[in-house]
């Protein structure tokens, strides 16, 4: 029995290592909802923060990161707003728990939307007619595209993806005006965008709040939000589009 385990152990370690390396390729979008509020007046450095995946995320292996999977991270630095000082929070998410295991991740922040923006994107503009199934309802996504129930997602007359019960699925599109890329490191796969458009980029619904460091460059994985007015309160339930960093992803 011991001899068998001597041969099996390296194989198991290799399999686990290969899964960890290939399961989340660079460019993978992780749509999440915050479980923790980000308020410089109420949070401190080294504080743990959490979020949840909001839509099944397809992986090249055929597996999925299922909706509800947990992300854990921490606040790195906090600068409360003052009369002449902008409020600032730097944080990261570095652990993802799914498929009965925990995986280290390194992400950047593509988009951030307020709780109100998220709720609006999940509510049909006029509400479904009596007798109309909810899954047929039209939704205006954050960023301007429209999801027609579980049918197409469109930008004007162009079809850019497909609607699902729990979100939308489409390749990432570049938004050069706001500094977001489309394809990353050859990853052309359709991504889980939840309530966001395929080119959603930056901040939605937060006034003068901005992403001053997205985490794509050094220090990679560290994301900084800045509010020049000195007031910042990213409430629990706000939505984020995180994206996996990796070789060639900058």
Foldseek 3Di string as FASTA:
>chain_A
DVVVCVVVVVVVVVVVVVCLVQFADFFAKFKWFWQDKDWLVPDAFFAKTKIWGQAWWAGPVRDTFHTGKMWMWTWHHWDFFDPQRWTKTKIFTFWIDGPNDIHGFFKFFFEWEALVLLVQQQAAPVHDDVPDDPQQGWGQAAPGWIARRQQFIDRVPHTAWGADPRATWGFAPEDVVQPGHTDFPNPRGIHGPRRHDSHHGWYYDWPQKTFPGGQQDVVHRMTMIIHRNSGDMRDGGIMTIITTHDVRGD
